[in-house]
């Protein structure tokens, strides 16, 4: 995922969908929290990890390390600006 526009779309669209579904009363508060936790800890970790792998910054087996607090900040410029 080297394209920056595609990356931003991949991280913003699911979050917007979660909010829209909640506002339309399609998700309960418990489902909203569950979806948000899955988004933050699973989805964003995988999307950010795949972007860093495609840019040859980390290896595929090291994607799980993005769950460590502060590890993602190390690649902040690479993820969001380059």
N, C-alpha and C. Protein backbone atom coordinates (compact mmCIF):
# COMPACT_ATOMS: atom_id res chain seq x y z
N UNK A 1 0.84 -1.17 0.00
CA UNK A 1 0.00 0.00 0.00
C UNK A 1 0.89 1.24 0.00
N UNK A 2 1.51 1.50 -1.11
CA UNK A 2 2.42 2.64 -1.22
C UNK A 2 1.69 3.95 -1.52
N UNK A 3 0.49 3.89 -2.05
CA UNK A 3 -0.26 5.09 -2.40
C UNK A 3 -0.82 5.74 -1.13
N UNK A 4 -0.46 6.99 -0.90
CA UNK A 4 -0.87 7.69 0.32
C UNK A 4 -2.38 7.93 0.37
N UNK A 5 -2.99 8.25 -0.76
CA UNK A 5 -4.44 8.48 -0.81
C UNK A 5 -5.20 7.19 -0.49
N UNK A 6 -4.74 6.09 -1.02
CA UNK A 6 -5.36 4.79 -0.73
C UNK A 6 -5.22 4.45 0.76
N UNK A 7 -4.06 4.75 1.32
CA UNK A 7 -3.83 4.49 2.74
C UNK A 7 -4.79 5.31 3.61
N UNK A 8 -4.90 6.61 3.31
CA UNK A 8 -5.82 7.44 4.09
C UNK A 8 -7.27 6.97 3.93
N UNK A 9 -7.63 6.55 2.75
CA UNK A 9 -8.99 6.02 2.54
C UNK A 9 -9.21 4.76 3.36
N UNK A 10 -8.20 3.91 3.40
CA UNK A 10 -8.31 2.65 4.14
C UNK A 10 -8.42 2.86 5.64
N UNK A 11 -7.89 3.95 6.15
CA UNK A 11 -7.98 4.16 7.60
C UNK A 11 -9.17 5.03 7.99
N UNK A 12 -9.67 5.86 7.09
CA UNK A 12 -10.76 6.77 7.45
C UNK A 12 -12.14 6.18 7.18
N UNK A 13 -12.31 5.50 6.06
CA UNK A 13 -13.64 4.98 5.67
C UNK A 13 -14.22 4.04 6.72
N UNK A 14 -13.49 3.05 7.24
CA UNK A 14 -14.11 2.18 8.26
C UNK A 14 -14.53 2.92 9.52
N UNK A 15 -13.74 3.90 9.92
CA UNK A 15 -14.09 4.68 11.10
C UNK A 15 -15.36 5.49 10.86
N UNK A 16 -15.47 6.08 9.69
CA UNK A 16 -16.67 6.84 9.35
C UNK A 16 -17.89 5.92 9.31
N UNK A 17 -17.72 4.73 8.76
CA UNK A 17 -18.83 3.77 8.72
C UNK A 17 -19.29 3.37 10.11
N UNK A 18 -18.35 3.17 11.01
CA UNK A 18 -18.71 2.83 12.39
C UNK A 18 -19.53 3.96 13.01
N UNK A 19 -19.12 5.19 12.79
CA UNK A 19 -19.83 6.34 13.35
C UNK A 19 -21.21 6.50 12.71
N UNK A 20 -21.28 6.33 11.40
CA UNK A 20 -22.58 6.46 10.70
C UNK A 20 -23.55 5.38 11.16
N UNK A 21 -23.08 4.15 11.28
CA UNK A 21 -23.95 3.06 11.74
C UNK A 21 -24.43 3.30 13.16
N UNK A 22 -23.59 3.87 13.99
CA UNK A 22 -23.99 4.17 15.36
C UNK A 22 -25.03 5.28 15.39
N UNK A 23 -24.82 6.31 14.60
CA UNK A 23 -25.79 7.42 14.55
C UNK A 23 -27.12 6.99 13.97
N UNK A 24 -27.12 6.00 13.10
CA UNK A 24 -28.36 5.50 12.50
C UNK A 24 -29.01 4.43 13.38
N UNK A 25 -28.51 4.25 14.57
CA UNK A 25 -29.01 3.26 15.53
C UNK A 25 -28.95 1.83 14.99
N UNK A 26 -27.96 1.55 14.18
CA UNK A 26 -27.74 0.19 13.69
C UNK A 26 -26.76 -0.57 14.59
N UNK A 27 -26.04 0.18 15.43
CA UNK A 27 -25.12 -0.43 16.39
C UNK A 27 -25.49 0.03 17.80
N UNK A 28 -25.47 -0.90 18.72
CA UNK A 28 -25.67 -0.53 20.11
C UNK A 28 -24.36 0.03 20.66
N UNK A 29 -24.40 0.55 21.85
CA UNK A 29 -23.18 1.10 22.44
C UNK A 29 -22.12 0.02 22.64
N UNK A 30 -22.55 -1.16 23.01
CA UNK A 30 -21.61 -2.27 23.19
C UNK A 30 -20.98 -2.66 21.84
N UNK A 31 -21.76 -2.72 20.79
CA UNK A 31 -21.24 -3.05 19.47
C UNK A 31 -20.31 -1.94 18.96
N UNK A 32 -20.64 -0.69 19.28
CA UNK A 32 -19.78 0.42 18.90
C UNK A 32 -18.41 0.30 19.55
N UNK A 33 -18.39 0.04 20.84
CA UNK A 33 -17.12 -0.10 21.56
C UNK A 33 -16.32 -1.28 21.02
N UNK A 34 -17.01 -2.40 20.76
CA UNK A 34 -16.35 -3.58 20.21
C UNK A 34 -15.76 -3.28 18.83
N UNK A 35 -16.53 -2.62 17.98
CA UNK A 35 -16.05 -2.27 16.64
C UNK A 35 -14.87 -1.30 16.73
N UNK A 36 -14.92 -0.37 17.65
CA UNK A 36 -13.83 0.58 17.82
C UNK A 36 -12.55 -0.10 18.30
N UNK A 37 -12.69 -1.04 19.23
CA UNK A 37 -11.52 -1.78 19.72
C UNK A 37 -10.91 -2.63 18.60
N UNK A 38 -11.75 -3.29 17.82
CA UNK A 38 -11.25 -4.08 16.70
C UNK A 38 -10.57 -3.17 15.67
N UNK A 39 -11.17 -2.02 15.42
CA UNK A 39 -10.58 -1.07 14.47
C UNK A 39 -9.19 -0.62 14.94
N UNK A 40 -9.09 -0.23 16.19
CA UNK A 40 -7.84 0.33 16.70
C UNK A 40 -6.76 -0.74 16.85
N UNK A 41 -7.09 -1.87 17.44
CA UNK A 41 -6.05 -2.83 17.76
C UNK A 41 -5.78 -3.87 16.68
N UNK A 42 -6.76 -4.19 15.87
CA UNK A 42 -6.55 -5.22 14.84
C UNK A 42 -6.40 -4.58 13.47
N UNK A 43 -7.42 -3.85 13.03
CA UNK A 43 -7.44 -3.32 11.67
C UNK A 43 -6.30 -2.33 11.43
N UNK A 44 -6.15 -1.32 12.31
CA UNK A 44 -5.12 -0.32 12.11
C UNK A 44 -3.72 -0.92 12.21
N UNK A 45 -3.54 -1.89 13.08
CA UNK A 45 -2.25 -2.55 13.18
C UNK A 45 -1.91 -3.25 11.87
N UNK A 46 -2.88 -3.95 11.30
CA UNK A 46 -2.62 -4.65 10.04
C UNK A 46 -2.42 -3.69 8.87
N UNK A 47 -3.23 -2.65 8.78
CA UNK A 47 -3.10 -1.69 7.68
C UNK A 47 -1.77 -0.95 7.77
N UNK A 48 -1.45 -0.45 8.96
CA UNK A 48 -0.17 0.25 9.13
C UNK A 48 1.00 -0.70 8.88
N UNK A 49 0.87 -1.91 9.36
CA UNK A 49 1.93 -2.90 9.15
C UNK A 49 2.14 -3.23 7.68
N UNK A 50 1.06 -3.42 6.96
CA UNK A 50 1.18 -3.72 5.52
C UNK A 50 1.81 -2.55 4.77
N UNK A 51 1.49 -1.32 5.18
CA UNK A 51 2.10 -0.15 4.53
C UNK A 51 3.61 -0.13 4.81
N UNK A 52 4.01 -0.39 6.03
CA UNK A 52 5.43 -0.39 6.35
C UNK A 52 6.17 -1.55 5.68
N UNK A 53 5.51 -2.68 5.54
CA UNK A 53 6.12 -3.81 4.83
C UNK A 53 6.29 -3.47 3.36
N UNK A 54 5.29 -2.84 2.75
CA UNK A 54 5.39 -2.49 1.34
C UNK A 54 6.46 -1.43 1.09
N UNK A 55 6.77 -0.63 2.10
CA UNK A 55 7.82 0.38 1.97
C UNK A 55 9.17 -0.15 2.47
N UNK A 56 9.24 -1.43 2.81
CA UNK A 56 10.46 -2.10 3.26
C UNK A 56 11.06 -1.47 4.52
N UNK A 57 10.20 -1.05 5.42
CA UNK A 57 10.65 -0.49 6.70
C UNK A 57 10.67 -1.55 7.80
N UNK A 58 9.74 -2.50 7.73
CA UNK A 58 9.72 -3.63 8.67
C UNK A 58 9.46 -4.89 7.86
N UNK A 59 9.66 -6.02 8.51
CA UNK A 59 9.37 -7.30 7.87
C UNK A 59 7.96 -7.74 8.25
N UNK A 60 7.40 -8.62 7.46
CA UNK A 60 6.03 -9.09 7.66
C UNK A 60 5.84 -9.72 9.04
N UNK A 61 6.85 -10.38 9.52
CA UNK A 61 6.73 -11.06 10.82
C UNK A 61 6.78 -10.08 12.00
N UNK A 62 7.12 -8.81 11.74
CA UNK A 62 7.22 -7.82 12.80
C UNK A 62 6.00 -6.89 12.91
N UNK A 63 4.95 -7.19 12.17
CA UNK A 63 3.75 -6.35 12.21
C UNK A 63 3.15 -6.32 13.62
N UNK A 64 3.20 -7.41 14.34
CA UNK A 64 2.62 -7.47 15.68
C UNK A 64 3.27 -6.46 16.62
N UNK A 65 4.51 -6.05 16.34
CA UNK A 65 5.21 -5.11 17.22
C UNK A 65 4.56 -3.72 17.21
N UNK A 66 3.72 -3.46 16.21
CA UNK A 66 3.03 -2.17 16.17
C UNK A 66 2.04 -2.03 17.32
N UNK A 67 1.71 -3.12 17.98
CA UNK A 67 0.84 -3.06 19.16
C UNK A 67 1.56 -2.51 20.38
N UNK A 68 2.89 -2.53 20.36
CA UNK A 68 3.68 -2.03 21.48
C UNK A 68 3.57 -0.51 21.50
N UNK A 69 3.19 0.07 22.63
CA UNK A 69 3.06 1.53 22.69
C UNK A 69 4.37 2.24 22.32
N UNK A 70 4.26 3.19 21.41
CA UNK A 70 5.42 3.96 20.98
C UNK A 70 6.12 3.42 19.76
N UNK A 71 5.91 2.15 19.42
CA UNK A 71 6.60 1.56 18.28
C UNK A 71 6.11 2.16 16.97
N UNK A 72 4.84 2.44 16.86
CA UNK A 72 4.27 3.02 15.65
C UNK A 72 4.76 4.46 15.46
N UNK A 73 5.00 5.16 16.55
CA UNK A 73 5.47 6.54 16.47
C UNK A 73 6.83 6.64 15.81
N UNK A 74 7.60 5.58 15.91
CA UNK A 74 8.92 5.52 15.29
C UNK A 74 8.82 5.69 13.77
N UNK A 75 7.71 5.26 13.19
CA UNK A 75 7.51 5.31 11.74
C UNK A 75 6.43 6.33 11.35
N UNK A 76 6.21 7.32 12.18
CA UNK A 76 5.13 8.29 11.96
C UNK A 76 5.25 8.99 10.61
N UNK A 77 6.42 9.52 10.29
CA UNK A 77 6.60 10.23 9.01
C UNK A 77 6.41 9.29 7.83
N UNK A 78 6.92 8.09 7.93
CA UNK A 78 6.78 7.12 6.83
C UNK A 78 5.33 6.75 6.63
N UNK A 79 4.57 6.58 7.70
CA UNK A 79 3.18 6.18 7.58
C UNK A 79 2.30 7.27 7.00
N UNK A 80 2.45 8.48 7.48
CA UNK A 80 1.46 9.51 7.19
C UNK A 80 1.89 10.57 6.18
N UNK A 81 3.17 10.68 5.87
CA UNK A 81 3.60 11.77 5.00
C UNK A 81 4.37 11.33 3.76
N UNK A 82 4.94 10.16 3.75
CA UNK A 82 5.77 9.76 2.60
C UNK A 82 5.05 8.74 1.75
